[in-house]
Amino acid sequence: MSIKTLVNAAGAAAMAVFLATAAHSAATAAEVDGVWAMSNGKVTVAVNDCGGNLCGKIIGLKEPISKIDGKPKVDRENPDPSLRKRPLIGLTILLGMKPAGEGTWKGAIYNPDDGKTYSATVKYEGSSMKVKGCVAGVFCKTNKFVRAD
Protein backbone atom coordinates (compact mmCIF):
# COMPACT_ATOMS: atom_id res chain seq x y z
CA MET A 1 0.00 0.00 0.00
CA SER A 2 1.41 3.40 -0.95
CA ILE A 3 1.80 6.41 1.35
CA LYS A 4 -0.82 8.25 -0.69
CA THR A 5 -3.32 5.41 -0.19
CA LEU A 6 -2.63 5.38 3.58
CA VAL A 7 -3.06 9.16 3.82
CA ASN A 8 -6.32 9.02 1.86
CA ALA A 9 -7.61 6.14 4.01
CA ALA A 10 -6.67 7.96 7.24
CA GLY A 11 -8.35 11.14 6.00
CA ALA A 12 -11.51 9.24 5.07
CA ALA A 13 -11.57 7.53 8.47
CA ALA A 14 -11.10 10.85 10.29
CA MET A 15 -13.90 12.42 8.25
CA ALA A 16 -16.21 9.48 9.01
CA VAL A 17 -15.54 9.83 12.75
CA PHE A 18 -16.13 13.60 12.56
CA LEU A 19 -19.40 13.19 10.66
CA ALA A 20 -20.62 10.46 13.03
CA THR A 21 -19.80 12.62 16.05
CA ALA A 22 -21.46 15.69 14.53
CA ALA A 23 -24.55 13.69 13.59
CA HIS A 24 -24.74 12.22 17.10
CA SER A 25 -24.39 15.66 18.75
CA ALA A 26 -27.04 17.15 16.48
CA ALA A 27 -29.40 14.22 17.07
CA THR A 28 -28.94 14.51 20.83
CA ALA A 29 -29.50 18.28 20.76
CA ALA A 30 -32.64 17.67 18.68
CA GLU A 31 -33.88 15.20 21.31
CA VAL A 32 -33.68 17.94 23.93
CA ASP A 33 -35.76 20.32 21.78
CA GLY A 34 -39.01 21.08 23.50
CA VAL A 35 -40.65 22.50 26.57
CA TRP A 36 -39.18 21.78 30.01
CA ALA A 37 -40.59 22.68 33.42
CA MET A 38 -38.50 23.01 36.56
CA SER A 39 -39.56 20.21 38.91
CA ASN A 40 -40.92 22.76 41.41
CA GLY A 41 -43.02 24.36 38.63
CA LYS A 42 -41.42 27.79 39.13
CA VAL A 43 -40.33 28.25 35.51
CA THR A 44 -40.97 26.69 32.09
CA VAL A 45 -38.27 26.91 29.44
CA ALA A 46 -38.31 26.26 25.69
CA VAL A 47 -35.06 24.54 24.71
CA ASN A 48 -33.98 24.49 21.08
CA ASP A 49 -31.14 23.15 18.99
CA CYS A 50 -29.25 26.18 17.74
CA GLY A 51 -26.81 24.70 15.24
CA GLY A 52 -25.74 21.86 17.55
CA ASN A 53 -25.70 24.11 20.62
CA LEU A 54 -28.59 24.55 23.03
CA CYS A 55 -30.63 27.72 23.46
CA GLY A 56 -33.22 28.15 26.17
CA LYS A 57 -35.70 30.90 26.97
CA ILE A 58 -38.36 31.37 29.60
CA ILE A 59 -41.86 30.78 28.23
CA GLY A 60 -43.81 30.51 31.46
CA LEU A 61 -43.67 31.31 35.16
CA LYS A 62 -45.65 29.83 38.05
CA GLU A 63 -46.10 33.39 39.33
CA PRO A 64 -45.83 35.67 36.29
CA ILE A 65 -47.16 38.76 38.06
CA SER A 66 -44.94 40.78 40.42
CA LYS A 67 -46.18 41.18 43.99
CA ILE A 68 -44.38 44.53 44.05
CA ASP A 69 -46.34 46.34 41.34
CA GLY A 70 -48.97 43.88 40.06
CA LYS A 71 -47.44 43.87 36.56
CA PRO A 72 -45.73 41.06 34.59
CA LYS A 73 -42.33 40.26 36.08
CA VAL A 74 -39.31 41.97 34.57
CA ASP A 75 -35.54 41.48 34.83
CA ARG A 76 -35.32 43.91 37.76
CA GLU A 77 -32.14 42.41 39.28
CA ASN A 78 -30.08 42.85 36.11
CA PRO A 79 -26.85 44.74 36.83
CA ASP A 80 -27.41 46.77 33.65
CA PRO A 81 -30.12 49.36 34.46
CA SER A 82 -31.11 49.56 30.77
CA LEU A 83 -32.18 45.86 30.86
CA ARG A 84 -34.22 45.94 34.06
CA LYS A 85 -37.54 46.54 32.30
CA ARG A 86 -37.35 43.61 29.87
CA PRO A 87 -39.99 40.93 30.53
CA LEU A 88 -38.87 37.63 32.07
CA ILE A 89 -41.13 35.71 29.71
CA GLY A 90 -39.17 35.49 26.47
CA LEU A 91 -35.81 36.04 28.21
CA THR A 92 -32.98 33.78 27.00
CA ILE A 93 -31.31 32.12 29.99
CA LEU A 94 -29.25 29.27 28.48
CA LEU A 95 -26.25 30.93 26.86
CA GLY A 96 -23.46 29.48 24.68
CA MET A 97 -24.34 25.87 25.57
CA LYS A 98 -21.90 23.80 23.49
CA PRO A 99 -21.75 19.99 23.28
CA ALA A 100 -19.46 18.53 25.96
CA GLY A 101 -20.01 14.79 25.67
CA GLU A 102 -22.96 12.50 25.17
CA GLY A 103 -26.14 14.27 26.28
CA THR A 104 -24.15 17.08 27.94
CA TRP A 105 -23.65 20.76 27.12
CA LYS A 106 -21.56 23.41 28.85
CA GLY A 107 -21.99 27.14 28.74
CA ALA A 108 -23.69 29.66 30.97
CA ILE A 109 -27.05 30.30 32.59
CA TYR A 110 -28.51 33.67 33.47
CA ASN A 111 -30.44 33.73 36.75
CA PRO A 112 -32.99 36.56 36.77
CA ASP A 113 -33.57 36.01 40.51
CA ASP A 114 -30.20 37.63 41.26
CA GLY A 115 -29.20 39.12 37.89
CA LYS A 116 -26.06 37.01 37.64
CA THR A 117 -24.69 34.68 34.98
CA TYR A 118 -23.13 31.40 36.08
CA SER A 119 -21.11 28.70 34.35
CA ALA A 120 -23.50 25.85 33.67
CA THR A 121 -23.84 22.26 32.55
CA VAL A 122 -26.97 20.74 31.04
CA LYS A 123 -27.28 16.96 31.20
CA TYR A 124 -30.07 15.27 29.25
CA GLU A 125 -31.42 12.10 30.86
CA GLY A 126 -34.35 11.03 28.67
CA SER A 127 -37.51 12.47 30.25
CA SER A 128 -35.54 14.78 32.52
CA MET A 129 -32.76 17.30 32.23
CA LYS A 130 -30.43 18.47 34.99
CA VAL A 131 -29.13 22.02 34.88
CA LYS A 132 -26.19 22.76 37.16
CA GLY A 133 -24.99 26.32 37.68
CA CYS A 134 -21.72 27.03 39.49
CA VAL A 135 -19.87 29.98 40.98
CA ALA A 136 -16.09 29.65 40.65
CA GLY A 137 -16.59 25.97 39.77
CA VAL A 138 -16.96 25.14 43.47
CA PHE A 139 -20.35 26.28 44.70
CA CYS A 140 -23.01 24.65 42.55
CA LYS A 141 -26.76 24.18 42.49
CA THR A 142 -28.58 21.66 40.33
CA ASN A 143 -32.19 21.99 39.19
CA LYS A 144 -34.14 19.17 37.60
CA PHE A 145 -36.42 19.87 34.65
CA VAL A 146 -39.05 17.50 33.31
CA ARG A 147 -40.42 17.40 29.80
CA ALA A 148 -43.65 19.40 29.63
CA ASP A 149 -44.62 18.87 25.98
C-alpha atoms as a PDB file:
ATOM      1  CA  MET A   1       0.000   0.000   0.000  1.00  0.00           C
ATOM      2  CA  SER A   2       1.408   3.401  -0.947  1.00  0.00           C
ATOM      3  CA  ILE A   3       1.801   6.407   1.346  1.00  0.00           C
ATOM      4  CA  LYS A   4      -0.821   8.253  -0.691  1.00  0.00           C
ATOM      5  CA  THR A   5      -3.325   5.414  -0.194  1.00  0.00           C
ATOM      6  CA  LEU A   6      -2.631   5.376   3.582  1.00  0.00           C
ATOM      7  CA  VAL A   7      -3.057   9.163   3.820  1.00  0.00           C
ATOM      8  CA  ASN A   8      -6.324   9.019   1.858  1.00  0.00           C
ATOM      9  CA  ALA A   9      -7.608   6.142   4.013  1.00  0.00           C
ATOM     10  CA  ALA A  10      -6.665   7.964   7.241  1.00  0.00           C
ATOM     11  CA  GLY A  11      -8.354  11.143   6.003  1.00  0.00           C
ATOM     12  CA  ALA A  12     -11.506   9.241   5.072  1.00  0.00           C
ATOM     13  CA  ALA A  13     -11.573   7.528   8.474  1.00  0.00           C
ATOM     14  CA  ALA A  14     -11.103  10.850  10.289  1.00  0.00           C
ATOM     15  CA  MET A  15     -13.895  12.416   8.245  1.00  0.00           C
ATOM     16  CA  ALA A  16     -16.212   9.482   9.011  1.00  0.00           C
ATOM     17  CA  VAL A  17     -15.536   9.832  12.745  1.00  0.00           C
ATOM     18  CA  PHE A  18     -16.132  13.603  12.565  1.00  0.00           C
ATOM     19  CA  LEU A  19     -19.400  13.186  10.659  1.00  0.00           C
ATOM     20  CA  ALA A  20     -20.622  10.463  13.027  1.00  0.00           C
ATOM     21  CA  THR A  21     -19.803  12.623  16.048  1.00  0.00           C
ATOM     22  CA  ALA A  22     -21.456  15.693  14.529  1.00  0.00           C
ATOM     23  CA  ALA A  23     -24.550  13.695  13.594  1.00  0.00           C
ATOM     24  CA  HIS A  24     -24.737  12.222  17.100  1.00  0.00           C
ATOM     25  CA  SER A  25     -24.390  15.661  18.751  1.00  0.00           C
ATOM     26  CA  ALA A  26     -27.037  17.149  16.483  1.00  0.00           C
ATOM     27  CA  ALA A  27     -29.404  14.224  17.073  1.00  0.00           C
ATOM     28  CA  THR A  28     -28.942  14.514  20.827  1.00  0.00           C
ATOM     29  CA  ALA A  29     -29.504  18.281  20.757  1.00  0.00           C
ATOM     30  CA  ALA A  30     -32.637  17.670  18.679  1.00  0.00           C
ATOM     31  CA  GLU A  31     -33.879  15.195  21.308  1.00  0.00           C
ATOM     32  CA  VAL A  32     -33.679  17.942  23.931  1.00  0.00           C
ATOM     33  CA  ASP A  33     -35.756  20.317  21.781  1.00  0.00           C
ATOM     34  CA  GLY A  34     -39.011  21.082  23.504  1.00  0.00           C
ATOM     35  CA  VAL A  35     -40.652  22.504  26.574  1.00  0.00           C
ATOM     36  CA  TRP A  36     -39.176  21.776  30.007  1.00  0.00           C
ATOM     37  CA  ALA A  37     -40.592  22.681  33.423  1.00  0.00           C
ATOM     38  CA  MET A  38     -38.498  23.008  36.561  1.00  0.00           C
ATOM     39  CA  SER A  39     -39.557  20.208  38.907  1.00  0.00           C
ATOM     40  CA  ASN A  40     -40.920  22.762  41.408  1.00  0.00           C
ATOM     41  CA  GLY A  41     -43.017  24.358  38.634  1.00  0.00           C
ATOM     42  CA  LYS A  42     -41.422  27.792  39.130  1.00  0.00           C
ATOM     43  CA  VAL A  43     -40.333  28.247  35.508  1.00  0.00           C
ATOM     44  CA  THR A  44     -40.973  26.692  32.093  1.00  0.00           C
ATOM     45  CA  VAL A  45     -38.269  26.906  29.437  1.00  0.00           C
ATOM     46  CA  ALA A  46     -38.307  26.257  25.690  1.00  0.00           C
ATOM     47  CA  VAL A  47     -35.060  24.535  24.710  1.00  0.00           C
ATOM     48  CA  ASN A  48     -33.980  24.489  21.080  1.00  0.00           C
ATOM     49  CA  ASP A  49     -31.139  23.145  18.992  1.00  0.00           C
ATOM     50  CA  CYS A  50     -29.252  26.183  17.737  1.00  0.00           C
ATOM     51  CA  GLY A  51     -26.806  24.700  15.244  1.00  0.00           C
ATOM     52  CA  GLY A  52     -25.745  21.857  17.551  1.00  0.00           C
ATOM     53  CA  ASN A  53     -25.702  24.112  20.620  1.00  0.00           C
ATOM     54  CA  LEU A  54     -28.588  24.554  23.034  1.00  0.00           C
ATOM     55  CA  CYS A  55     -30.625  27.717  23.464  1.00  0.00           C
ATOM     56  CA  GLY A  56     -33.220  28.154  26.171  1.00  0.00           C
ATOM     57  CA  LYS A  57     -35.699  30.896  26.971  1.00  0.00           C
ATOM     58  CA  ILE A  58     -38.357  31.365  29.600  1.00  0.00           C
ATOM     59  CA  ILE A  59     -41.856  30.777  28.230  1.00  0.00           C
ATOM     60  CA  GLY A  60     -43.810  30.512  31.459  1.00  0.00           C
ATOM     61  CA  LEU A  61     -43.674  31.311  35.163  1.00  0.00           C
ATOM     62  CA  LYS A  62     -45.647  29.828  38.046  1.00  0.00           C
ATOM     63  CA  GLU A  63     -46.101  33.388  39.333  1.00  0.00           C
ATOM     64  CA  PRO A  64     -45.826  35.674  36.290  1.00  0.00           C
ATOM     65  CA  ILE A  65     -47.162  38.761  38.064  1.00  0.00           C
ATOM     66  CA  SER A  66     -44.943  40.778  40.418  1.00  0.00           C
ATOM     67  CA  LYS A  67     -46.175  41.175  43.991  1.00  0.00           C
ATOM     68  CA  ILE A  68     -44.379  44.527  44.055  1.00  0.00           C
ATOM     69  CA  ASP A  69     -46.338  46.343  41.339  1.00  0.00           C
ATOM     70  CA  GLY A  70     -48.969  43.880  40.058  1.00  0.00           C
ATOM     71  CA  LYS A  71     -47.442  43.868  36.563  1.00  0.00           C
ATOM     72  CA  PRO A  72     -45.729  41.061  34.594  1.00  0.00           C
ATOM     73  CA  LYS A  73     -42.328  40.263  36.078  1.00  0.00           C
ATOM     74  CA  VAL A  74     -39.307  41.966  34.570  1.00  0.00           C
ATOM     75  CA  ASP A  75     -35.538  41.476  34.827  1.00  0.00           C
ATOM     76  CA  ARG A  76     -35.324  43.914  37.763  1.00  0.00           C
ATOM     77  CA  GLU A  77     -32.145  42.406  39.280  1.00  0.00           C
ATOM     78  CA  ASN A  78     -30.084  42.845  36.109  1.00  0.00           C
ATOM     79  CA  PRO A  79     -26.846  44.738  36.828  1.00  0.00           C
ATOM     80  CA  ASP A  80     -27.412  46.769  33.646  1.00  0.00           C
ATOM     81  CA  PRO A  81     -30.116  49.357  34.456  1.00  0.00           C
ATOM     82  CA  SER A  82     -31.110  49.562  30.769  1.00  0.00           C
ATOM     83  CA  LEU A  83     -32.177  45.861  30.865  1.00  0.00           C
ATOM     84  CA  ARG A  84     -34.225  45.937  34.059  1.00  0.00           C
ATOM     85  CA  LYS A  85     -37.542  46.539  32.302  1.00  0.00           C
ATOM     86  CA  ARG A  86     -37.346  43.613  29.874  1.00  0.00           C
ATOM     87  CA  PRO A  87     -39.986  40.930  30.532  1.00  0.00           C
ATOM     88  CA  LEU A  88     -38.871  37.631  32.069  1.00  0.00           C
ATOM     89  CA  ILE A  89     -41.134  35.714  29.712  1.00  0.00           C
ATOM     90  CA  GLY A  90     -39.170  35.495  26.472  1.00  0.00           C
ATOM     91  CA  LEU A  91     -35.811  36.035  28.206  1.00  0.00           C
ATOM     92  CA  THR A  92     -32.977  33.782  26.999  1.00  0.00           C
ATOM     93  CA  ILE A  93     -31.312  32.124  29.988  1.00  0.00           C
ATOM     94  CA  LEU A  94     -29.245  29.269  28.478  1.00  0.00           C
ATOM     95  CA  LEU A  95     -26.247  30.929  26.857  1.00  0.00           C
ATOM     96  CA  GLY A  96     -23.465  29.484  24.680  1.00  0.00           C
ATOM     97  CA  MET A  97     -24.343  25.873  25.565  1.00  0.00           C
ATOM     98  CA  LYS A  98     -21.902  23.799  23.491  1.00  0.00           C
ATOM     99  CA  PRO A  99     -21.746  19.988  23.277  1.00  0.00           C
ATOM    100  CA  ALA A 100     -19.462  18.534  25.957  1.00  0.00           C
ATOM    101  CA  GLY A 101     -20.013  14.787  25.668  1.00  0.00           C
ATOM    102  CA  GLU A 102     -22.963  12.503  25.166  1.00  0.00           C
ATOM    103  CA  GLY A 103     -26.145  14.271  26.282  1.00  0.00           C
ATOM    104  CA  THR A 104     -24.153  17.078  27.940  1.00  0.00           C
ATOM    105  CA  TRP A 105     -23.648  20.756  27.120  1.00  0.00           C
ATOM    106  CA  LYS A 106     -21.558  23.408  28.847  1.00  0.00           C
ATOM    107  CA  GLY A 107     -21.987  27.138  28.736  1.00  0.00           C
ATOM    108  CA  ALA A 108     -23.694  29.664  30.971  1.00  0.00           C
ATOM    109  CA  ILE A 109     -27.045  30.300  32.589  1.00  0.00           C
ATOM    110  CA  TYR A 110     -28.512  33.667  33.470  1.00  0.00           C
ATOM    111  CA  ASN A 111     -30.444  33.728  36.752  1.00  0.00           C
ATOM    112  CA  PRO A 112     -32.993  36.560  36.766  1.00  0.00           C
ATOM    113  CA  ASP A 113     -33.567  36.007  40.514  1.00  0.00           C
ATOM    114  CA  ASP A 114     -30.201  37.629  41.261  1.00  0.00           C
ATOM    115  CA  GLY A 115     -29.200  39.117  37.888  1.00  0.00           C
ATOM    116  CA  LYS A 116     -26.055  37.008  37.641  1.00  0.00           C
ATOM    117  CA  THR A 117     -24.687  34.681  34.977  1.00  0.00           C
ATOM    118  CA  TYR A 118     -23.126  31.399  36.077  1.00  0.00           C
ATOM    119  CA  SER A 119     -21.108  28.699  34.355  1.00  0.00           C
ATOM    120  CA  ALA A 120     -23.500  25.850  33.671  1.00  0.00           C
ATOM    121  CA  THR A 121     -23.840  22.264  32.549  1.00  0.00           C
ATOM    122  CA  VAL A 122     -26.971  20.735  31.040  1.00  0.00           C
ATOM    123  CA  LYS A 123     -27.283  16.956  31.201  1.00  0.00           C
ATOM    124  CA  TYR A 124     -30.067  15.269  29.255  1.00  0.00           C
ATOM    125  CA  GLU A 125     -31.417  12.099  30.865  1.00  0.00           C
ATOM    126  CA  GLY A 126     -34.348  11.033  28.673  1.00  0.00           C
ATOM    127  CA  SER A 127     -37.512  12.466  30.246  1.00  0.00           C
ATOM    128  CA  SER A 128     -35.540  14.777  32.521  1.00  0.00           C
ATOM    129  CA  MET A 129     -32.763  17.296  32.234  1.00  0.00           C
ATOM    130  CA  LYS A 130     -30.432  18.474  34.990  1.00  0.00           C
ATOM    131  CA  VAL A 131     -29.125  22.018  34.876  1.00  0.00           C
ATOM    132  CA  LYS A 132     -26.190  22.765  37.158  1.00  0.00           C
ATOM    133  CA  GLY A 133     -24.989  26.316  37.681  1.00  0.00           C
ATOM    134  CA  CYS A 134     -21.722  27.032  39.485  1.00  0.00           C
ATOM    135  CA  VAL A 135     -19.867  29.977  40.983  1.00  0.00           C
ATOM    136  CA  ALA A 136     -16.085  29.654  40.652  1.00  0.00           C
ATOM    137  CA  GLY A 137     -16.585  25.972  39.774  1.00  0.00           C
ATOM    138  CA  VAL A 138     -16.960  25.144  43.467  1.00  0.00           C
ATOM    139  CA  PHE A 139     -20.354  26.280  44.702  1.00  0.00           C
ATOM    140  CA  CYS A 140     -23.008  24.649  42.546  1.00  0.00           C
ATOM    141  CA  LYS A 141     -26.760  24.184  42.485  1.00  0.00           C
ATOM    142  CA  THR A 142     -28.580  21.656  40.334  1.00  0.00           C
ATOM    143  CA  ASN A 143     -32.192  21.989  39.194  1.00  0.00           C
ATOM    144  CA  LYS A 144     -34.137  19.167  37.599  1.00  0.00           C
ATOM    145  CA  PHE A 145     -36.417  19.870  34.654  1.00  0.00           C
ATOM    146  CA  VAL A 146     -39.050  17.496  33.309  1.00  0.00           C
ATOM    147  CA  ARG A 147     -40.424  17.401  29.804  1.00  0.00           C
ATOM    148  CA  ALA A 148     -43.651  19.401  29.627  1.00  0.00           C
ATOM    149  CA  ASP A 149     -44.619  18.869  25.975  1.00  0.00           C
END
